[in-house]
């Protein structure tokens, strides 16, 4: 497949005009689901994903693309019970144990799952169904929200926001909702999932504050330190819908990337496909009913001066589908703010100098979004 945004020769001597094909796909406004609904049996070339030749695959990753219940590699992926942190328990010993687990997971994996987080299973199930209902409603209703403009619009439906500056299109459709600040008027949310999204949003604000408090303590700071820095002052939802793919080995659900926020909280269904890069190999994140997946973002790695790790991850395409998920990103990177972020002074000394220069959340986010998914962390650009 030709690289870049232009055309090129492909096998058989025919010409492949990548930009033209992307534009034609984009203008349907029907997304990947539209291709599947039309009965596509061959993955279009704009979705071809170059293999990650430098990394080892889990034994069952390729198998998993074709079978929904493949046995996946699980290297004791961290699972943390938050029960003692959401109750008024006066005994601080259990909380200290949770803080220690959060610190270890965040320093080594950059990812962990949380259970007993206080969000009812019914809310989680209804939220996933709400996401599914949005993407499976009449195409004309979705088209009303179709755009690539996430700067001026707070609720946007698209197939890939960075379609034209990415190596390949991803096998998924997305719904973006900037929830705060200021709080999004619920009337702007899609009617088909409005009520459950409002309820889920309340739960995310609560659990976000719980997690940021635990991470503050894990860094040896006061429980309110990271919140006082503005780490939970803004958040957005990104809902993904991954249709079944006829040739999953040729494409990818979500390209390898790291999140350029402070913290991400992910709700996923039971199909699986999420993988994280751990010790230079792809590790499957096992779906656990009722659990939420938490991962450290670039901005938290920056202000922790590399104590916490923002880790690359991806989502495989699969013959089984649709897979649905909802990620809540805690960041103020899409809003104009003069607040400066750099390595926290409490971590710095002659023996531990700052690794990164100071920046704003918006400057970091803008750079990360415009550089594209080129395999190089945006953090490299901000190193001293």
Protein backbone atom coordinates (compact mmCIF):
# COMPACT_ATOMS: atom_id res chain seq x y z
CA UNK A 1 0.00 0.00 0.00
CA UNK A 2 1.25 3.46 -0.80
CA UNK A 3 2.27 5.57 2.15
CA UNK A 4 1.50 9.24 2.68
CA UNK A 5 -1.55 11.04 1.40
CA UNK A 6 -1.02 10.61 -2.31
CA UNK A 7 -1.49 7.72 -4.68
CA UNK A 8 0.85 4.95 -5.70
CA UNK A 9 1.33 1.76 -7.64
CA UNK A 10 -0.02 -1.45 -6.15
CA UNK A 11 0.24 -5.08 -7.15
CA UNK A 12 -0.92 -5.66 -10.71
CA UNK A 13 0.14 -2.20 -11.86
CA UNK A 14 -3.11 -0.42 -11.01
CA UNK A 15 -3.02 2.94 -9.30
CA UNK A 16 -4.23 3.39 -5.74
CA UNK A 17 -5.34 6.94 -4.95
CA UNK A 18 -5.43 6.85 -1.15
CA UNK A 19 -6.66 10.41 -0.67
CA UNK A 20 -9.47 9.92 -3.18
CA UNK A 21 -10.62 6.67 -1.55
CA UNK A 22 -10.51 8.21 1.92
CA UNK A 23 -12.54 11.19 0.72
CA UNK A 24 -15.13 8.92 -0.91
CA UNK A 25 -15.44 6.88 2.29
CA UNK A 26 -15.64 10.02 4.41
CA UNK A 27 -18.36 11.60 2.29
CA UNK A 28 -20.73 8.66 2.79
CA UNK A 29 -20.97 9.70 6.47
CA UNK A 30 -22.01 6.09 7.07
CA UNK A 31 -18.74 5.05 8.70
CA UNK A 32 -17.39 1.54 8.94
CA UNK A 33 -20.84 0.30 9.96
CA UNK A 34 -22.07 1.53 6.58
CA UNK A 35 -19.51 -0.69 4.83
CA UNK A 36 -20.56 -3.72 6.86
CA UNK A 37 -24.26 -3.01 6.33
CA UNK A 38 -23.58 -2.84 2.58
CA UNK A 39 -22.18 -6.38 2.75
CA UNK A 40 -18.47 -5.68 2.24
CA UNK A 41 -16.44 -8.90 2.23
CA UNK A 42 -13.03 -7.37 1.47
CA UNK A 43 -11.41 -4.72 3.65
CA UNK A 44 -10.79 -1.56 1.55
CA UNK A 45 -7.14 -0.60 1.13
CA UNK A 46 -7.44 2.58 3.19
CA UNK A 47 -7.87 0.30 6.23
CA UNK A 48 -4.76 -1.82 5.61
CA UNK A 49 -2.61 -1.64 8.73
CA UNK A 50 1.19 -2.07 8.50
CA UNK A 51 2.38 -4.82 10.89
CA UNK A 52 4.38 -3.96 14.01
CA UNK A 53 7.41 -6.00 13.00
CA UNK A 54 9.54 -5.02 15.98
CA UNK A 55 7.19 -6.35 18.64
CA UNK A 56 6.28 -9.81 19.82
CA UNK A 57 2.63 -10.82 19.57
CA UNK A 58 0.77 -12.87 22.18
CA UNK A 59 0.40 -16.40 20.82
CA UNK A 60 -3.34 -16.07 20.43
CA UNK A 61 -3.56 -12.49 19.10
CA UNK A 62 -3.92 -13.48 15.47
CA UNK A 63 -6.19 -16.36 16.44
CA UNK A 64 -8.27 -13.93 18.48
CA UNK A 65 -9.01 -11.81 15.44
CA UNK A 66 -11.04 -14.71 14.04
CA UNK A 67 -12.47 -16.22 17.22
CA UNK A 68 -14.16 -14.34 20.03
CA UNK A 69 -13.31 -16.73 22.85
CA UNK A 70 -9.65 -17.50 22.20
CA UNK A 71 -7.53 -18.13 25.28
CA UNK A 72 -5.50 -14.93 25.64
CA UNK A 73 -2.22 -14.29 27.34
CA UNK A 74 -2.71 -12.77 30.79
CA UNK A 75 0.45 -11.78 32.66
CA UNK A 76 -1.36 -11.20 35.96
CA UNK A 77 -2.91 -7.98 34.71
CA UNK A 78 -3.45 -5.76 37.79
CA UNK A 79 -6.97 -5.79 39.25
CA UNK A 80 -7.60 -3.47 42.21
CA UNK A 81 -10.58 -3.63 44.58
CA UNK A 82 -11.77 -0.12 45.49
CA UNK A 83 -14.37 -1.19 48.04
CA UNK A 84 -12.49 0.26 51.01
CA UNK A 85 -11.93 3.58 49.21
CA UNK A 86 -15.55 4.44 48.44
CA UNK A 87 -16.90 3.79 51.95
CA UNK A 88 -16.50 5.84 55.12
CA UNK A 89 -14.07 3.36 56.63
CA UNK A 90 -12.13 5.00 59.46
CA UNK A 91 -9.44 2.32 59.28
CA UNK A 92 -6.78 3.68 56.91
CA UNK A 93 -4.88 0.40 56.60
CA UNK A 94 -6.98 -1.00 53.70
CA UNK A 95 -6.68 2.33 51.85
CA UNK A 96 -2.91 2.29 52.22
CA UNK A 97 -2.89 -1.18 50.67
CA UNK A 98 -4.94 0.09 47.71
CA UNK A 99 -2.64 3.10 47.31
CA UNK A 100 0.34 0.73 47.21
CA UNK A 101 -1.36 -1.39 44.51
CA UNK A 102 -2.18 1.70 42.48
CA UNK A 103 1.43 2.91 42.72
CA UNK A 104 2.90 -0.44 41.63
CA UNK A 105 0.46 -0.81 38.72
CA UNK A 106 0.94 2.78 37.55
CA UNK A 107 4.73 2.61 37.71
CA UNK A 108 5.09 -0.72 35.92
CA UNK A 109 2.01 -1.37 33.76
CA UNK A 110 0.51 2.09 33.34
CA UNK A 111 -2.84 0.25 33.30
CA UNK A 112 -5.03 -1.49 35.86
CA UNK A 113 -8.62 -2.62 36.25
CA UNK A 114 -10.83 -1.58 39.16
CA UNK A 115 -13.72 -3.51 40.68
CA UNK A 116 -16.17 -2.57 43.46
CA UNK A 117 -15.95 1.02 42.27
CA UNK A 118 -19.48 1.91 43.31
CA UNK A 119 -21.08 2.20 39.86
CA UNK A 120 -24.04 -0.20 39.62
CA UNK A 121 -23.78 -2.93 36.98
CA UNK A 122 -27.11 -1.76 35.59
CA UNK A 123 -25.63 1.67 34.82
CA UNK A 124 -22.63 0.10 33.07
CA UNK A 125 -24.84 -2.21 31.02
CA UNK A 126 -27.25 0.58 30.07
CA UNK A 127 -24.34 2.83 29.05
CA UNK A 128 -22.92 0.17 26.73
CA UNK A 129 -26.38 -0.38 25.29
CA UNK A 130 -26.75 3.37 24.85
CA UNK A 131 -23.53 3.49 22.83
CA UNK A 132 -24.72 0.55 20.73
CA UNK A 133 -28.11 2.19 20.17
CA UNK A 134 -26.53 5.42 18.96
CA UNK A 135 -24.51 3.72 16.24
CA UNK A 136 -27.31 1.35 15.24
CA UNK A 137 -29.99 4.04 14.85
CA UNK A 138 -31.06 5.42 11.47
CA UNK A 139 -28.09 6.79 9.54
CA UNK A 140 -29.89 10.10 8.88
CA UNK A 141 -30.01 10.77 12.63
CA UNK A 142 -26.27 10.12 13.00
CA UNK A 143 -25.42 12.29 9.98
CA UNK A 144 -26.73 15.33 11.82
CA UNK A 145 -23.73 15.05 14.14
CA UNK A 146 -21.14 14.09 11.51
CA UNK A 147 -18.04 16.31 11.54
CA UNK A 148 -14.30 16.36 12.14
CA UNK A 149 -14.43 19.66 14.02
CA UNK A 150 -13.84 18.88 17.69
CA UNK A 151 -12.58 22.43 18.31
CA UNK A 152 -15.85 24.25 17.74
CA UNK A 153 -18.34 21.43 18.26
CA UNK A 154 -18.85 19.57 21.54
CA UNK A 155 -20.73 16.53 20.22
CA UNK A 156 -19.39 14.92 17.04
CA UNK A 157 -19.90 11.61 15.21
CA UNK A 158 -17.15 10.42 12.86
CA UNK A 159 -15.27 7.36 11.70
CA UNK A 160 -11.76 8.68 12.44
CA UNK A 161 -11.04 12.23 13.49
CA UNK A 162 -7.49 12.18 12.10
CA UNK A 163 -8.40 10.18 8.98
CA UNK A 164 -6.23 12.14 6.55
CA UNK A 165 -3.02 12.35 8.63
CA UNK A 166 -2.98 8.75 9.88
CA UNK A 167 -1.16 5.78 8.31
CA UNK A 168 -4.46 3.96 7.85
CA UNK A 169 -8.13 4.24 8.68
CA UNK A 170 -9.31 2.30 11.73
CA UNK A 171 -12.09 -0.30 11.69
CA UNK A 172 -14.42 1.61 14.01
CA UNK A 173 -16.84 4.53 14.30
CA UNK A 174 -16.76 7.09 17.11
CA UNK A 175 -18.93 9.53 19.05
CA UNK A 176 -17.11 12.40 20.79
CA UNK A 177 -18.72 14.38 23.64
CA UNK A 178 -16.88 17.18 25.46
CA UNK A 179 -18.59 16.98 28.85
CA UNK A 180 -16.81 19.77 30.76
CA UNK A 181 -15.99 22.56 31.32
CA UNK A 182 -18.45 24.16 31.27
CA UNK A 183 -20.90 21.31 31.86
CA UNK A 184 -22.42 20.18 28.58
CA UNK A 185 -26.09 20.99 28.14
CA UNK A 186 -27.79 17.55 28.10
CA UNK A 187 -29.96 18.70 25.20
CA UNK A 188 -26.83 18.53 23.01
CA UNK A 189 -26.44 14.79 23.67
CA UNK A 190 -28.03 12.30 21.24
CA UNK A 191 -31.60 11.56 22.42
CA UNK A 192 -31.13 7.80 22.05
CA UNK A 193 -28.49 7.70 24.83
CA UNK A 194 -29.01 11.05 26.58
CA UNK A 195 -30.46 9.92 29.91
CA UNK A 196 -27.95 7.16 30.61
CA UNK A 197 -25.05 9.37 29.49
CA UNK A 198 -26.11 12.04 32.00
CA UNK A 199 -26.16 9.43 34.78
CA UNK A 200 -22.87 7.85 33.68
CA UNK A 201 -21.29 11.30 33.57
CA UNK A 202 -22.11 11.85 37.26
CA UNK A 203 -20.51 8.52 38.08
CA UNK A 204 -17.37 9.35 36.07
CA UNK A 205 -16.88 12.66 37.88
CA UNK A 206 -17.07 10.81 41.20
CA UNK A 207 -14.78 7.92 40.28
CA UNK A 208 -12.34 10.29 38.57
CA UNK A 209 -11.90 12.18 41.82
CA UNK A 210 -11.45 8.92 43.74
CA UNK A 211 -8.76 7.71 41.34
CA UNK A 212 -6.90 11.03 41.18
CA UNK A 213 -6.88 11.09 44.97
CA UNK A 214 -5.38 7.59 45.11
CA UNK A 215 -2.76 8.53 42.51
CA UNK A 216 -1.84 11.64 44.52
CA UNK A 217 -1.24 9.49 47.58
CA UNK A 218 0.62 6.92 45.47
CA UNK A 219 3.05 9.70 44.56
CA UNK A 220 3.50 10.61 48.23
CA UNK A 221 1.44 13.79 47.90
CA UNK A 222 -1.67 14.97 49.73
CA UNK A 223 -4.91 13.38 48.45
CA UNK A 224 -6.00 16.66 46.85
CA UNK A 225 -2.69 17.62 45.21
CA UNK A 226 -3.42 16.44 41.65
CA UNK A 227 -7.02 17.67 41.79
CA UNK A 228 -5.77 21.08 42.94
CA UNK A 229 -3.50 21.11 39.88
CA UNK A 230 -6.59 20.81 37.68
CA UNK A 231 -6.19 17.18 36.62
CA UNK A 232 -9.95 16.56 36.89
CA UNK A 233 -11.13 20.01 35.80
CA UNK A 234 -12.21 18.79 32.36
CA UNK A 235 -13.30 15.52 30.77
CA UNK A 236 -14.65 14.13 27.54
CA UNK A 237 -16.29 10.91 26.39
CA UNK A 238 -15.20 8.95 23.34
CA UNK A 239 -17.60 6.15 22.43
CA UNK A 240 -16.32 3.53 19.97
CA UNK A 241 -18.25 1.02 17.86
CA UNK A 242 -16.15 -1.73 16.23
CA UNK A 243 -18.23 -3.65 13.64
CA UNK A 244 -17.41 -7.26 12.81
CA UNK A 245 -14.58 -7.32 10.28
CA UNK A 246 -14.39 -9.80 7.35
CA UNK A 247 -10.56 -9.70 7.23
CA UNK A 248 -9.37 -8.68 10.71
CA UNK A 249 -5.76 -9.66 10.03
CA UNK A 250 -5.47 -6.81 7.49
CA UNK A 251 -6.62 -3.91 9.65
CA UNK A 252 -6.83 -2.63 13.23
CA UNK A 253 -9.65 -1.40 15.43
CA UNK A 254 -7.57 1.35 17.03
CA UNK A 255 -3.99 2.09 15.98
CA UNK A 256 -1.18 1.85 18.54
CA UNK A 257 -1.10 5.05 20.61
CA UNK A 258 -0.74 6.52 24.10
CA UNK A 259 -3.38 8.81 25.60
CA UNK A 260 -2.39 12.46 25.86
CA UNK A 261 -4.58 13.28 28.87
CA UNK A 262 -4.03 12.97 32.62
CA UNK A 263 -6.10 9.84 33.19
CA UNK A 264 -8.44 7.58 31.19
CA UNK A 265 -11.27 5.42 32.54
CA UNK A 266 -12.57 2.85 30.03
CA UNK A 267 -15.78 0.85 29.99
CA UNK A 268 -15.72 -2.05 27.53
CA UNK A 269 -17.97 -4.96 26.70
CA UNK A 270 -16.98 -8.63 26.92
CA UNK A 271 -15.72 -9.17 23.36
CA UNK A 272 -12.13 -8.14 24.11
CA UNK A 273 -9.43 -6.96 21.73
CA UNK A 274 -7.73 -4.28 23.84
CA UNK A 275 -3.98 -4.86 24.15
CA UNK A 276 -1.28 -2.92 25.96
CA UNK A 277 2.45 -2.81 25.26
CA UNK A 278 4.19 -4.36 28.27
CA UNK A 279 7.84 -5.44 28.30
CA UNK A 280 7.97 -5.00 24.53
CA UNK A 281 5.13 -7.38 23.79
CA UNK A 282 1.40 -7.03 23.29
CA UNK A 283 -0.63 -8.26 26.26
CA UNK A 284 -4.38 -8.82 26.09
CA UNK A 285 -6.50 -6.98 28.65
CA UNK A 286 -9.00 -9.59 29.86
CA UNK A 287 -12.60 -8.34 29.99
CA UNK A 288 -13.96 -8.58 33.55
CA UNK A 289 -17.73 -8.12 34.02
CA UNK A 290 -18.41 -4.93 35.97
CA UNK A 291 -14.80 -3.72 35.91
CA UNK A 292 -13.41 -0.42 34.61
CA UNK A 293 -10.00 -0.10 32.99
CA UNK A 294 -7.81 2.78 34.16
CA UNK A 295 -4.68 4.04 32.43
CA UNK A 296 -2.17 6.81 33.00
CA UNK A 297 -2.01 9.54 30.34
CA UNK A 298 1.00 11.42 28.97
CA UNK A 299 0.34 14.53 31.04
CA UNK A 300 0.42 12.52 34.27
CA UNK A 301 3.71 10.91 33.22
CA UNK A 302 5.06 14.41 32.49
CA UNK A 303 4.12 15.99 35.82
CA UNK A 304 5.25 12.89 37.75
CA UNK A 305 8.64 13.17 36.00
CA UNK A 306 8.35 9.61 34.63
CA UNK A 307 7.34 7.98 37.92
CA UNK A 308 3.98 7.01 36.40
CA UNK A 309 3.91 5.45 32.94
CA UNK A 310 1.72 6.33 29.97
CA UNK A 311 1.68 3.12 27.94
CA UNK A 312 0.89 2.46 24.29
CA UNK A 313 -2.17 0.36 23.55
CA UNK A 314 -4.32 -0.72 20.61
CA UNK A 315 -7.55 -2.56 19.77
CA UNK A 316 -7.58 -5.50 17.37
CA UNK A 317 -10.18 -5.91 14.67
CA UNK A 318 -12.30 -9.04 15.10
CA UNK A 319 -14.62 -11.24 13.05
CA UNK A 320 -16.99 -11.08 16.00
CA UNK A 321 -18.81 -7.84 16.65
CA UNK A 322 -19.82 -5.23 17.22
CA UNK A 323 -17.53 -4.41 20.13
CA UNK A 324 -18.51 -1.25 22.01
CA UNK A 325 -16.62 0.85 24.54
CA UNK A 326 -16.68 4.26 26.19
CA UNK A 327 -13.51 6.03 27.29
CA UNK A 328 -13.61 8.97 29.68
CA UNK A 329 -10.54 11.20 29.27
CA UNK A 330 -9.69 13.60 32.08
CA UNK A 331 -8.01 16.58 30.42
CA UNK A 332 -8.36 20.29 29.78
CA UNK A 333 -6.31 20.02 26.60
CA UNK A 334 -9.10 21.10 24.28
CA UNK A 335 -9.72 24.34 26.16
CA UNK A 336 -7.71 27.56 26.20
CA UNK A 337 -5.88 27.79 29.52
CA UNK A 338 -2.69 29.49 30.62
CA UNK A 339 -2.11 26.94 33.41
CA UNK A 340 1.44 25.63 33.19
CA UNK A 341 2.29 21.97 33.77
CA UNK A 342 5.77 20.67 34.44
CA UNK A 343 7.39 18.07 36.70
CA UNK A 344 6.08 18.53 40.26
CA UNK A 345 8.74 20.32 42.33
CA UNK A 346 8.45 17.85 45.23
CA UNK A 347 9.95 15.17 42.97
CA UNK A 348 12.96 17.19 41.85
CA UNK A 349 16.49 17.29 43.25
CA UNK A 350 20.09 17.40 42.10
CA UNK A 351 19.90 13.63 41.68
CA UNK A 352 16.48 13.73 40.02
CA UNK A 353 16.38 16.75 37.67
CA UNK A 354 13.32 17.59 35.56
CA UNK A 355 12.98 15.42 32.45
CA UNK A 356 10.39 17.60 30.73
CA UNK A 357 9.96 21.28 29.99
CA UNK A 358 6.87 23.12 31.12
CA UNK A 359 3.85 23.30 28.82
CA UNK A 360 0.10 23.88 28.88
CA UNK A 361 -2.39 21.04 28.50
CA UNK A 362 -3.62 22.65 25.28
CA UNK A 363 -0.12 23.00 23.81
CA UNK A 364 0.64 19.37 24.58
CA UNK A 365 -2.68 18.13 23.20
CA UNK A 366 -2.41 20.21 20.04
CA UNK A 367 1.08 18.90 19.33
CA UNK A 368 0.12 15.27 20.02
CA UNK A 369 -2.99 15.52 17.82
CA UNK A 370 -1.24 17.18 14.86
CA UNK A 371 1.87 14.97 14.77
CA UNK A 372 -0.29 11.96 13.92
CA UNK A 373 0.21 8.33 14.91
CA UNK A 374 3.82 7.99 13.78
CA UNK A 375 5.00 5.59 16.47
CA UNK A 376 6.90 8.27 18.41
CA UNK A 377 5.58 9.43 21.77
CA UNK A 378 4.59 13.08 21.97
CA UNK A 379 6.47 13.16 25.29
CA UNK A 380 9.78 13.04 23.37
CA UNK A 381 9.07 16.50 21.95
CA UNK A 382 8.80 17.99 25.46
CA UNK A 383 11.97 16.50 26.93
CA UNK A 384 14.65 18.90 28.08
